Amino acid sequence: MIDVGLPYKDIKEYIHYVNFVLLSHIHGDHFNKTTMRKIVVNHPHITIVCGAFLLDELLNMGICEDRILVVEVGKVYDLDGFKISPVKAYHDVDNFGYRIMKDHHKHLHITDTSTLEGIQAQNYDTATIECNHDEIRALELIEEAKENDTFSHLTGAMNSHLSVQQTIEFCEKNNILELMPAHIGNSTKEEVLEILRAWNENHL
């Protein structure tokens, strides 16, 4: 499982099949502390996988260090037959994406990052990548907000999250076979879904 931003009740029926929880970063929609505590208490077989930047947070929650595997960017770890390797993501806090390999299948998971520069995933089978906003519509909404002397959260989103255009460009450059879009913001959701629909038709 990657991240635990949901209430425990929403993952309860699936968590019994999980041996490892990979954490990306500290934000609440990815790191629900109440859920984390329940996972650790109710499922002693589960190991928490994270970067060193989350270690103190987990220890302060009372999670024993022997339940935590601290991983580093560029290194490969074998987790019961799954090979995982952290990827540095660029957000407003320290953040990891993950390469996950099983048998001959290669998957990239990355969200909450302003760029994919320097990351390669050539001929990966699948990828879960955020498509947070449509660049064109987001800029229009930001301009409308300025004209009305109001604030648009999209200004921050564009500086810390990938647009659907960035994600599609990355997938095409790396010849990724299947994209599973994630982290689609509500403000430009219709535009993002339409762009993805059109791209998938051409891509397939």
Protein backbone atom coordinates (compact mmCIF):
# COMPACT_ATOMS: atom_id res chain seq x y z
CA MET A 1 0.00 0.00 0.00
CA ILE A 2 1.26 3.48 -0.84
CA ASP A 3 0.22 6.20 1.63
CA VAL A 4 -2.58 6.16 4.18
CA GLY A 5 -4.56 9.36 3.74
CA LEU A 6 -7.94 7.69 4.21
CA PRO A 7 -9.84 6.87 7.41
CA TYR A 8 -9.09 3.38 8.70
CA LYS A 9 -12.65 2.19 8.02
CA ASP A 10 -12.15 2.82 4.31
CA ILE A 11 -9.14 0.50 4.06
CA LYS A 12 -10.05 -2.01 6.77
CA GLU A 13 -11.23 -4.74 4.40
CA TYR A 14 -8.05 -4.52 2.32
CA ILE A 15 -5.34 -4.01 4.92
CA HIS A 16 -5.21 -7.72 5.81
CA TYR A 17 -3.56 -8.34 2.42
CA VAL A 18 -0.87 -5.71 3.00
CA ASN A 19 2.63 -6.43 4.31
CA PHE A 20 4.24 -3.05 3.62
CA VAL A 21 2.98 0.53 3.72
CA LEU A 22 5.11 2.94 1.66
CA LEU A 23 4.83 6.55 2.78
CA SER A 24 5.56 9.50 0.50
CA HIS A 25 5.29 12.62 2.71
CA ILE A 26 3.74 14.19 5.79
CA HIS A 27 0.65 15.91 4.37
CA GLY A 28 -2.62 14.69 5.86
CA ASP A 29 -4.16 13.47 2.60
CA HIS A 30 -1.24 11.03 2.39
CA PHE A 31 -0.40 10.52 6.07
CA ASN A 32 -3.45 10.09 8.33
CA LYS A 33 -1.99 9.71 11.83
CA THR A 34 -5.08 8.04 13.28
CA THR A 35 -5.09 5.49 10.47
CA MET A 36 -1.36 4.89 10.89
CA ARG A 37 -1.77 4.13 14.58
CA LYS A 38 -4.61 1.68 13.93
CA ILE A 39 -2.61 -0.09 11.23
CA VAL A 40 0.39 -0.52 13.51
CA VAL A 41 -1.67 -1.68 16.50
CA ASN A 42 -4.05 -4.00 14.64
CA HIS A 43 -1.61 -5.44 12.08
CA PRO A 44 1.74 -6.26 13.71
CA HIS A 45 3.01 -7.96 10.54
CA ILE A 46 3.03 -4.69 8.57
CA THR A 47 6.28 -2.77 8.04
CA ILE A 48 6.22 0.98 7.43
CA VAL A 49 8.57 2.10 4.62
CA CYS A 50 9.62 5.75 4.43
CA GLY A 51 12.40 8.28 4.00
CA ALA A 52 14.47 9.45 6.96
CA PHE A 53 12.48 12.70 6.96
CA LEU A 54 9.44 10.83 8.36
CA LEU A 55 11.27 8.75 10.97
CA ASP A 56 10.96 11.16 13.91
CA GLU A 57 7.26 11.69 13.19
CA LEU A 58 6.62 7.95 13.33
CA LEU A 59 8.71 7.46 16.46
CA ASN A 60 6.91 10.34 18.18
CA MET A 61 3.65 8.54 17.42
CA GLY A 62 4.92 5.61 19.48
CA ILE A 63 5.72 3.34 16.54
CA CYS A 64 8.67 1.08 17.34
CA GLU A 65 11.74 1.49 15.18
CA ASP A 66 11.78 -2.21 14.35
CA ARG A 67 8.48 -1.70 12.49
CA ILE A 68 10.04 0.96 10.24
CA LEU A 69 12.27 0.51 7.20
CA VAL A 70 14.06 3.74 6.26
CA VAL A 71 14.93 3.84 2.56
CA GLU A 72 17.11 6.10 0.41
CA VAL A 73 16.81 7.48 -3.11
CA GLY A 74 18.69 5.44 -5.68
CA LYS A 75 18.84 2.24 -3.64
CA VAL A 76 16.81 -0.89 -4.41
CA TYR A 77 15.08 -2.87 -1.66
CA ASP A 78 13.57 -6.35 -1.82
CA LEU A 79 10.23 -6.52 -0.04
CA ASP A 80 9.02 -10.12 -0.24
CA GLY A 81 9.69 -10.33 -3.97
CA PHE A 82 8.72 -6.75 -4.77
CA LYS A 83 11.71 -4.56 -5.58
CA ILE A 84 11.19 -0.91 -4.68
CA SER A 85 13.36 2.13 -5.16
CA PRO A 86 12.52 5.63 -3.85
CA VAL A 87 12.48 8.59 -6.22
CA LYS A 88 12.93 12.19 -5.06
CA ALA A 89 9.82 14.31 -5.61
CA TYR A 90 9.79 18.12 -5.45
CA HIS A 91 7.00 19.43 -3.24
CA ASP A 92 6.80 21.99 -0.44
CA VAL A 93 7.92 19.27 1.99
CA ASP A 94 10.31 16.33 1.63
CA ASN A 95 8.64 13.74 -0.55
CA PHE A 96 9.26 10.39 -2.24
CA GLY A 97 7.86 8.66 -5.26
CA TYR A 98 8.51 4.95 -5.74
CA ARG A 99 9.57 2.63 -8.51
CA ILE A 100 8.01 -0.79 -7.92
CA MET A 101 9.08 -3.91 -9.79
CA LYS A 102 7.61 -7.40 -9.60
CA ASP A 103 8.74 -10.17 -11.94
CA HIS A 104 8.86 -8.36 -15.31
CA HIS A 105 6.36 -5.61 -14.43
CA LYS A 106 7.65 -2.09 -13.81
CA HIS A 107 5.53 0.62 -12.16
CA LEU A 108 6.18 4.24 -11.19
CA HIS A 109 4.17 5.98 -8.48
CA ILE A 110 4.69 9.71 -7.95
CA THR A 111 2.45 12.54 -6.84
CA ASP A 112 2.70 15.97 -5.22
CA THR A 113 5.73 17.05 -7.21
CA SER A 114 6.35 20.16 -9.28
CA THR A 115 8.54 18.40 -11.83
CA LEU A 116 9.55 15.01 -13.23
CA GLU A 117 12.84 16.37 -14.51
CA GLY A 118 15.67 13.89 -14.11
CA ILE A 119 13.32 10.92 -13.67
CA GLN A 120 13.27 8.16 -16.26
CA ALA A 121 10.76 5.34 -16.59
CA GLN A 122 11.48 4.11 -20.09
CA ASN A 123 9.04 1.43 -21.28
CA TYR A 124 7.43 1.04 -17.85
CA ASP A 125 4.26 -1.02 -17.92
CA THR A 126 2.20 1.25 -15.67
CA ALA A 127 2.43 4.52 -13.80
CA THR A 128 0.36 6.31 -11.20
CA ILE A 129 1.14 10.00 -11.65
CA GLU A 130 -0.77 13.07 -10.56
CA CYS A 131 -2.67 15.12 -13.12
CA ASN A 132 -3.52 17.91 -10.72
CA HIS A 133 -4.71 20.61 -13.11
CA ASP A 134 -5.10 21.77 -16.68
CA GLU A 135 -2.48 24.48 -17.24
CA ILE A 136 -4.58 26.60 -19.60
CA ARG A 137 -7.75 26.65 -17.48
CA ALA A 138 -5.75 27.11 -14.27
CA LEU A 139 -4.08 30.23 -15.66
CA GLU A 140 -7.48 31.58 -16.71
CA LEU A 141 -8.89 31.05 -13.23
CA ILE A 142 -5.87 32.69 -11.62
CA GLU A 143 -6.29 35.72 -13.89
CA GLU A 144 -10.01 35.90 -13.09
CA ALA A 145 -9.20 35.83 -9.39
CA LYS A 146 -6.72 38.71 -9.80
CA GLU A 147 -9.31 40.77 -11.67
CA ASN A 148 -11.78 40.18 -8.83
CA ASP A 149 -9.13 40.91 -6.19
CA THR A 150 -9.49 37.41 -4.73
CA PHE A 151 -7.07 34.57 -4.06
CA SER A 152 -6.82 31.39 -6.13
CA HIS A 153 -5.25 28.30 -4.57
CA LEU A 154 -4.25 27.29 -8.10
CA THR A 155 -1.26 29.63 -7.89
CA GLY A 156 0.25 27.37 -5.24
CA ALA A 157 -0.95 24.21 -6.96
CA MET A 158 0.83 25.11 -10.17
CA ASN A 159 4.08 25.58 -8.25
CA SER A 160 3.92 22.29 -6.35
CA HIS A 161 1.87 19.84 -8.43
CA LEU A 162 2.07 18.36 -11.92
CA SER A 163 -0.33 19.45 -14.60
CA VAL A 164 -2.02 16.91 -16.83
CA GLN A 165 0.09 18.28 -19.69
CA GLN A 166 3.35 17.59 -17.82
CA THR A 167 2.24 14.06 -17.00
CA ILE A 168 1.18 13.22 -20.54
CA GLU A 169 4.44 14.61 -21.91
CA PHE A 170 6.38 12.41 -19.46
CA CYS A 171 4.39 9.30 -20.40
CA GLU A 172 4.91 9.88 -24.10
CA LYS A 173 8.63 10.56 -23.67
CA ASN A 174 9.08 7.35 -21.67
CA ASN A 175 6.66 5.21 -23.68
CA ILE A 176 4.70 4.24 -20.57
CA LEU A 177 2.05 1.73 -21.60
CA GLU A 178 -0.70 2.65 -19.12
CA LEU A 179 -1.26 5.77 -17.03
CA MET A 180 -3.44 5.67 -13.92
CA PRO A 181 -4.02 9.37 -13.18
CA ALA A 182 -4.12 10.52 -9.55
CA HIS A 183 -4.57 13.65 -7.45
CA ILE A 184 -6.90 15.47 -9.88
CA GLY A 185 -7.92 18.81 -8.38
CA ASN A 186 -11.56 19.87 -8.39
CA SER A 187 -11.03 23.33 -9.91
CA THR A 188 -10.15 22.05 -13.39
CA LYS A 189 -11.34 18.46 -13.04
CA GLU A 190 -13.62 18.50 -16.08
CA GLU A 191 -10.85 19.86 -18.31
CA VAL A 192 -8.31 17.35 -17.00
CA LEU A 193 -10.64 14.40 -17.56
CA GLU A 194 -11.43 15.57 -21.08
CA ILE A 195 -7.73 15.92 -21.92
CA LEU A 196 -7.05 12.44 -20.51
CA ARG A 197 -10.00 10.96 -22.43
CA ALA A 198 -8.77 12.42 -25.72
CA TRP A 199 -5.19 11.37 -25.04
CA ASN A 200 -6.19 7.82 -24.14
CA GLU A 201 -8.14 7.47 -27.37
CA ASN A 202 -5.11 8.50 -29.40
CA HIS A 203 -2.68 6.62 -27.17
CA LEU A 204 -4.52 3.32 -27.43
